[in-house]
Amino acid sequence: MRLTKHYSVIPGLSLSLGYTLFYLGLIVLFPMAALLGKTMSLSWPQFWAVVTEPQVVASYKLTFGTALVAAIINLVFGTLVAWVLVRYSFTGKRLIDALIDLPFALPTAVAGIALVAIYGPHGPIGAPLLALGIKVAYTPLGITLALIFIGFPFVVRTVQPILQDFETELEEAAAALGASRFYTIRRVIVPHLLPSLLTGFALAFARGVGEYGSVIFIAGNLPFATEITPLLIVAKLEQFNYAGATAIACAMMAFSLLMLFCINSLQSWLERREQQHTGVMA
């Protein structure tokens, strides 16, 4: 019996794994290790004093709170936009599809300046809203608006390919069995999209937590009011307080990793549950 040897375009496991670990270490692990190493120059009481300063805690609440609200809004409306782009044909569809990626290509500082020009006190939208008693620029609302702008493509581009591969026959079968449209969406479509929805939410949330350029222009940067955590880190770096900056950065990294771990664990659990359900149905 003749054995046929299969060749792969990708090199062998040892070589591929070596390149992977080297690249991962160079790009991700080494910078994180340097961050932790600089922070370890502080004693534990010093570290705790830095990361729990009232001004820093206020920036945590603002940064994570606005990122969470923006990610939830993007989750709802990003899914709706992805649905429209996949399920319907209309004039200008390709243009709209291309404009969704604009926040990826646009410099964040330009986005911040544009938002201030539009939603500022003298802007075409900000002025009428201010007359109604709604101030957008230099408030947490303006920060949330900036985070919605930069996080919107993550949800759309994560959900869109899943919707394209979704079998419409499942919807037709549910309708044939007498299911209402709302029931079909809740029990057929949403469970299928849930892992991608969580992924898009996590990406939008993570981008919002670390965003700096588009936020500082519209935030106003007032301590205890509109000062985000990345701005505090930059301020400490400008003061040559590198240990303090890395301490706050480590605290943010720990919070972000914890939340991403919870989201990824939930996503894995949902995927296993869906596979078990599919096996039972089969």
Protein backbone atom coordinates (compact mmCIF):
# COMPACT_ATOMS: atom_id res chain seq x y z
CA MET A 1 0.00 0.00 0.00
CA ARG A 2 1.43 3.30 -1.07
CA LEU A 3 1.22 6.22 1.29
CA THR A 4 0.62 9.65 -0.20
CA LYS A 5 2.32 12.54 1.54
CA HIS A 6 0.28 15.72 1.70
CA TYR A 7 2.06 19.02 1.41
CA SER A 8 0.83 22.36 2.74
CA VAL A 9 1.58 25.88 1.62
CA ILE A 10 2.06 26.77 5.30
CA PRO A 11 5.35 25.47 6.79
CA GLY A 12 5.40 22.67 9.37
CA LEU A 13 4.02 22.98 12.86
CA SER A 14 7.33 23.72 14.56
CA LEU A 15 8.32 26.48 12.15
CA SER A 16 4.83 28.01 12.03
CA LEU A 17 4.49 27.89 15.81
CA GLY A 18 7.91 29.47 16.21
CA TYR A 19 7.05 32.37 13.91
CA THR A 20 3.68 32.77 15.67
CA LEU A 21 5.18 32.93 19.16
CA PHE A 22 7.97 35.24 18.01
CA TYR A 23 5.54 37.67 16.36
CA LEU A 24 3.11 37.51 19.29
CA GLY A 25 5.91 38.15 21.76
CA LEU A 26 7.41 41.01 19.76
CA ILE A 27 4.11 42.83 19.14
CA VAL A 28 2.04 42.00 22.24
CA LEU A 29 3.86 40.25 25.07
CA PHE A 30 7.07 42.31 25.18
CA PRO A 31 5.27 45.70 25.39
CA MET A 32 2.95 44.33 28.08
CA ALA A 33 5.91 42.93 29.99
CA ALA A 34 7.67 46.32 29.78
CA LEU A 35 4.49 47.97 31.05
CA LEU A 36 4.30 45.63 34.03
CA GLY A 37 8.03 45.95 34.66
CA LYS A 38 7.84 49.74 34.88
CA THR A 39 4.82 49.53 37.15
CA MET A 40 6.66 47.14 39.50
CA SER A 41 9.04 49.96 40.37
CA LEU A 42 6.19 51.17 42.61
CA SER A 43 5.42 49.52 45.91
CA TRP A 44 1.93 48.12 46.39
CA PRO A 45 0.77 51.07 48.59
CA GLN A 46 2.13 53.51 45.98
CA PHE A 47 0.44 51.62 43.14
CA TRP A 48 -2.87 51.49 45.00
CA ALA A 49 -2.66 55.19 45.82
CA VAL A 50 -2.13 56.08 42.15
CA VAL A 51 -4.92 53.94 40.69
CA THR A 52 -7.47 54.89 43.36
CA GLU A 53 -7.04 58.67 43.31
CA PRO A 54 -10.49 60.30 43.15
CA GLN A 55 -9.65 61.96 39.83
CA VAL A 56 -8.49 58.64 38.35
CA VAL A 57 -11.55 56.76 39.64
CA ALA A 58 -13.80 59.41 38.11
CA SER A 59 -12.03 58.92 34.78
CA TYR A 60 -12.56 55.13 35.04
CA LYS A 61 -16.29 55.60 35.49
CA LEU A 62 -16.49 58.01 32.56
CA THR A 63 -14.31 55.94 30.21
CA PHE A 64 -15.88 52.54 30.84
CA GLY A 65 -19.40 53.94 31.20
CA THR A 66 -19.41 55.85 27.93
CA ALA A 67 -17.68 52.96 26.12
CA LEU A 68 -20.35 50.56 27.40
CA VAL A 69 -23.25 52.81 26.36
CA ALA A 70 -21.71 53.43 22.94
CA ALA A 71 -21.11 49.70 22.39
CA ILE A 72 -24.73 48.88 23.27
CA ILE A 73 -26.04 51.54 20.88
CA ASN A 74 -23.73 50.31 18.14
CA LEU A 75 -24.86 46.75 18.79
CA VAL A 76 -28.50 47.66 18.11
CA PHE A 77 -28.12 50.02 15.17
CA GLY A 78 -25.07 48.27 13.69
CA THR A 79 -27.06 45.04 13.49
CA LEU A 80 -29.94 46.90 11.85
CA VAL A 81 -27.63 48.44 9.25
CA ALA A 82 -26.01 45.07 8.54
CA TRP A 83 -29.47 43.55 8.07
CA VAL A 84 -30.49 46.24 5.59
CA LEU A 85 -27.26 45.90 3.59
CA VAL A 86 -27.59 42.12 3.36
CA ARG A 87 -31.32 41.69 2.84
CA TYR A 88 -32.28 44.62 0.60
CA SER A 89 -31.15 46.14 -2.69
CA PHE A 90 -31.50 49.89 -3.18
CA THR A 91 -29.86 52.81 -4.94
CA GLY A 92 -26.63 53.90 -3.31
CA LYS A 93 -26.13 50.64 -1.43
CA ARG A 94 -22.46 50.33 -2.43
CA LEU A 95 -21.79 53.91 -1.39
CA ILE A 96 -23.33 53.36 2.04
CA ASP A 97 -21.43 50.10 2.41
CA ALA A 98 -18.17 51.93 1.67
CA LEU A 99 -18.96 54.83 4.03
CA ILE A 100 -19.28 52.42 6.95
CA ASP A 101 -15.52 51.85 6.82
CA LEU A 102 -14.80 55.60 6.91
CA PRO A 103 -13.99 55.64 10.68
CA PHE A 104 -11.29 53.05 9.98
CA ALA A 105 -9.55 55.26 7.42
CA LEU A 106 -10.24 58.69 8.94
CA PRO A 107 -7.65 59.98 11.44
CA THR A 108 -9.23 60.08 14.86
CA ALA A 109 -8.20 63.70 15.41
CA VAL A 110 -10.01 64.69 12.22
CA ALA A 111 -13.09 62.87 13.43
CA GLY A 112 -12.95 64.74 16.74
CA ILE A 113 -12.63 68.12 15.06
CA ALA A 114 -15.51 67.30 12.71
CA LEU A 115 -17.74 66.28 15.61
CA VAL A 116 -16.95 69.49 17.46
CA ALA A 117 -17.71 71.55 14.35
CA ILE A 118 -21.09 69.84 13.99
CA TYR A 119 -22.18 69.37 17.60
CA GLY A 120 -20.38 72.32 19.19
CA PRO A 121 -22.26 75.30 20.67
CA HIS A 122 -22.13 77.06 17.30
CA GLY A 123 -22.48 73.99 15.08
CA PRO A 124 -25.40 73.32 12.73
CA ILE A 125 -26.74 70.60 15.03
CA GLY A 126 -25.22 71.59 18.36
CA ALA A 127 -26.67 75.13 18.35
CA PRO A 128 -30.35 74.06 17.93
CA LEU A 129 -29.88 71.32 20.54
CA LEU A 130 -28.31 73.84 22.92
CA ALA A 131 -31.32 76.11 22.45
CA LEU A 132 -33.46 73.18 23.60
CA GLY A 133 -31.27 72.74 26.66
CA ILE A 134 -29.29 69.76 25.31
CA LYS A 135 -25.55 70.33 25.34
CA VAL A 136 -23.56 67.76 23.35
CA ALA A 137 -19.99 68.99 23.06
CA TYR A 138 -17.82 69.04 26.21
CA THR A 139 -20.15 66.62 28.02
CA PRO A 140 -20.29 62.83 28.50
CA LEU A 141 -22.92 62.84 25.75
CA GLY A 142 -20.34 64.17 23.30
CA ILE A 143 -17.83 61.52 24.38
CA THR A 144 -20.44 58.82 23.82
CA LEU A 145 -21.18 60.24 20.39
CA ALA A 146 -17.50 60.09 19.44
CA LEU A 147 -17.24 56.48 20.65
CA ILE A 148 -20.33 55.54 18.66
CA PHE A 149 -18.70 56.98 15.55
CA ILE A 150 -15.44 55.07 15.88
CA GLY A 151 -17.00 51.79 17.08
CA PHE A 152 -19.87 51.51 14.62
CA PRO A 153 -17.97 49.65 11.83
CA PHE A 154 -16.86 46.88 14.19
CA VAL A 155 -20.42 45.67 14.77
CA VAL A 156 -21.50 45.99 11.14
CA ARG A 157 -18.47 44.18 9.72
CA THR A 158 -18.74 41.41 12.32
CA VAL A 159 -22.45 40.71 11.85
CA GLN A 160 -22.68 41.27 8.09
CA PRO A 161 -20.85 38.10 6.90
CA ILE A 162 -22.87 35.93 9.31
CA LEU A 163 -26.09 37.34 7.92
CA GLN A 164 -24.87 36.70 4.38
CA ASP A 165 -24.28 33.02 5.19
CA PHE A 166 -27.53 32.64 7.10
CA GLU A 167 -29.93 30.19 5.45
CA THR A 168 -33.20 31.97 4.74
CA GLU A 169 -34.85 28.56 4.47
CA LEU A 170 -34.91 28.46 8.27
CA GLU A 171 -37.03 31.62 8.33
CA GLU A 172 -39.31 30.23 5.65
CA ALA A 173 -39.71 26.99 7.59
CA ALA A 174 -40.58 28.89 10.76
CA ALA A 175 -43.13 30.99 8.87
CA ALA A 176 -44.61 27.85 7.30
CA LEU A 177 -45.08 26.37 10.76
CA GLY A 178 -47.04 29.44 11.83
CA ALA A 179 -44.37 31.38 13.72
CA SER A 180 -44.80 35.14 13.88
CA ARG A 181 -42.09 37.45 12.60
CA PHE A 182 -41.08 38.49 16.09
CA TYR A 183 -40.91 34.86 17.22
CA THR A 184 -38.76 33.97 14.21
CA ILE A 185 -36.35 36.79 14.97
CA ARG A 186 -36.17 35.92 18.66
CA ARG A 187 -35.86 32.13 18.38
CA VAL A 188 -34.28 31.55 14.95
CA ILE A 189 -32.24 34.57 13.84
CA VAL A 190 -30.91 36.04 17.11
CA PRO A 191 -29.52 32.73 18.50
CA HIS A 192 -27.64 32.21 15.23
CA LEU A 193 -26.22 35.75 15.35
CA LEU A 194 -25.50 35.87 19.07
CA PRO A 195 -21.78 34.86 18.95
CA SER A 196 -21.07 37.46 16.25
CA LEU A 197 -23.11 40.06 18.14
CA LEU A 198 -21.00 39.48 21.25
CA THR A 199 -17.82 39.71 19.18
CA GLY A 200 -18.87 43.00 17.60
CA PHE A 201 -19.90 44.35 21.01
CA ALA A 202 -16.54 43.36 22.52
CA LEU A 203 -14.58 44.97 19.69
CA ALA A 204 -16.58 48.20 19.86
CA PHE A 205 -16.27 48.31 23.65
CA ALA A 206 -12.52 47.67 23.59
CA ARG A 207 -11.98 50.35 20.96
CA GLY A 208 -14.04 52.81 22.98
CA VAL A 209 -12.08 52.18 26.19
CA GLY A 210 -8.76 52.94 24.50
CA GLU A 211 -9.89 55.77 22.23
CA TYR A 212 -8.08 59.08 22.60
CA GLY A 213 -7.80 61.17 19.44
CA SER A 214 -11.47 61.66 18.58
CA VAL A 215 -12.52 62.15 22.22
CA ILE A 216 -10.19 64.84 23.55
CA PHE A 217 -11.55 67.48 21.16
CA ILE A 218 -15.21 66.99 22.05
CA ALA A 219 -14.76 66.02 25.72
CA GLY A 220 -13.64 69.34 27.17
CA ASN A 221 -11.23 67.44 29.45
CA LEU A 222 -12.62 68.78 32.74
CA PRO A 223 -11.41 66.84 35.80
CA PHE A 224 -14.15 64.82 37.52
CA ALA A 225 -16.52 65.64 34.65
CA THR A 226 -15.24 64.94 31.12
CA GLU A 227 -11.68 63.72 31.64
CA ILE A 228 -11.05 60.27 30.17
CA THR A 229 -8.44 57.85 31.50
CA PRO A 230 -6.20 57.85 28.38
CA LEU A 231 -5.86 61.62 28.79
CA LEU A 232 -4.66 61.15 32.38
CA ILE A 233 -2.06 58.67 31.16
CA VAL A 234 -0.80 61.15 28.56
CA ALA A 235 -0.74 63.93 31.17
CA LYS A 236 1.41 61.84 33.52
CA LEU A 237 3.76 60.98 30.66
CA GLU A 238 4.14 64.70 29.89
CA GLN A 239 5.03 65.20 33.56
CA PHE A 240 7.65 62.42 33.24
CA ASN A 241 5.73 60.38 35.79
CA TYR A 242 6.22 57.15 33.86
CA ALA A 243 5.51 54.84 36.80
CA GLY A 244 2.19 56.58 37.49
CA ALA A 245 1.22 56.42 33.84
CA THR A 246 2.00 52.72 33.57
CA ALA A 247 0.16 52.03 36.84
CA ILE A 248 -3.06 53.54 35.47
CA ALA A 249 -2.48 51.75 32.16
CA CYS A 250 -2.09 48.42 33.98
CA ALA A 251 -5.32 49.03 35.89
CA MET A 252 -7.15 49.75 32.65
CA MET A 253 -5.61 46.69 31.03
CA ALA A 254 -6.74 44.50 33.92
CA PHE A 255 -10.32 45.83 33.75
CA SER A 256 -10.44 45.40 29.97
CA LEU A 257 -9.00 41.88 30.04
CA LEU A 258 -11.50 40.85 32.71
CA MET A 259 -14.47 42.15 30.73
CA LEU A 260 -13.21 40.64 27.46
CA PHE A 261 -12.62 37.32 29.23
CA CYS A 262 -16.20 37.32 30.50
CA ILE A 263 -17.56 38.16 27.05
CA ASN A 264 -15.44 35.50 25.34
CA SER A 265 -16.44 32.91 27.94
CA LEU A 266 -20.10 33.73 27.35
CA GLN A 267 -19.56 33.48 23.61
CA SER A 268 -17.91 30.05 23.93
CA TRP A 269 -20.72 28.84 26.18
CA LEU A 270 -23.34 29.99 23.68
CA GLU A 271 -21.51 28.26 20.82
CA ARG A 272 -21.35 24.98 22.76
CA ARG A 273 -25.00 25.29 23.65
CA GLU A 274 -25.91 25.89 20.01
CA GLN A 275 -23.88 22.86 18.92
CA GLN A 276 -25.58 20.69 21.53
CA HIS A 277 -28.97 21.96 20.45
CA THR A 278 -28.13 21.25 16.81
CA GLY A 279 -26.99 17.72 17.72
CA VAL A 280 -30.22 17.04 19.59
CA MET A 281 -32.31 18.34 16.70
CA ALA A 282 -30.35 16.16 14.27
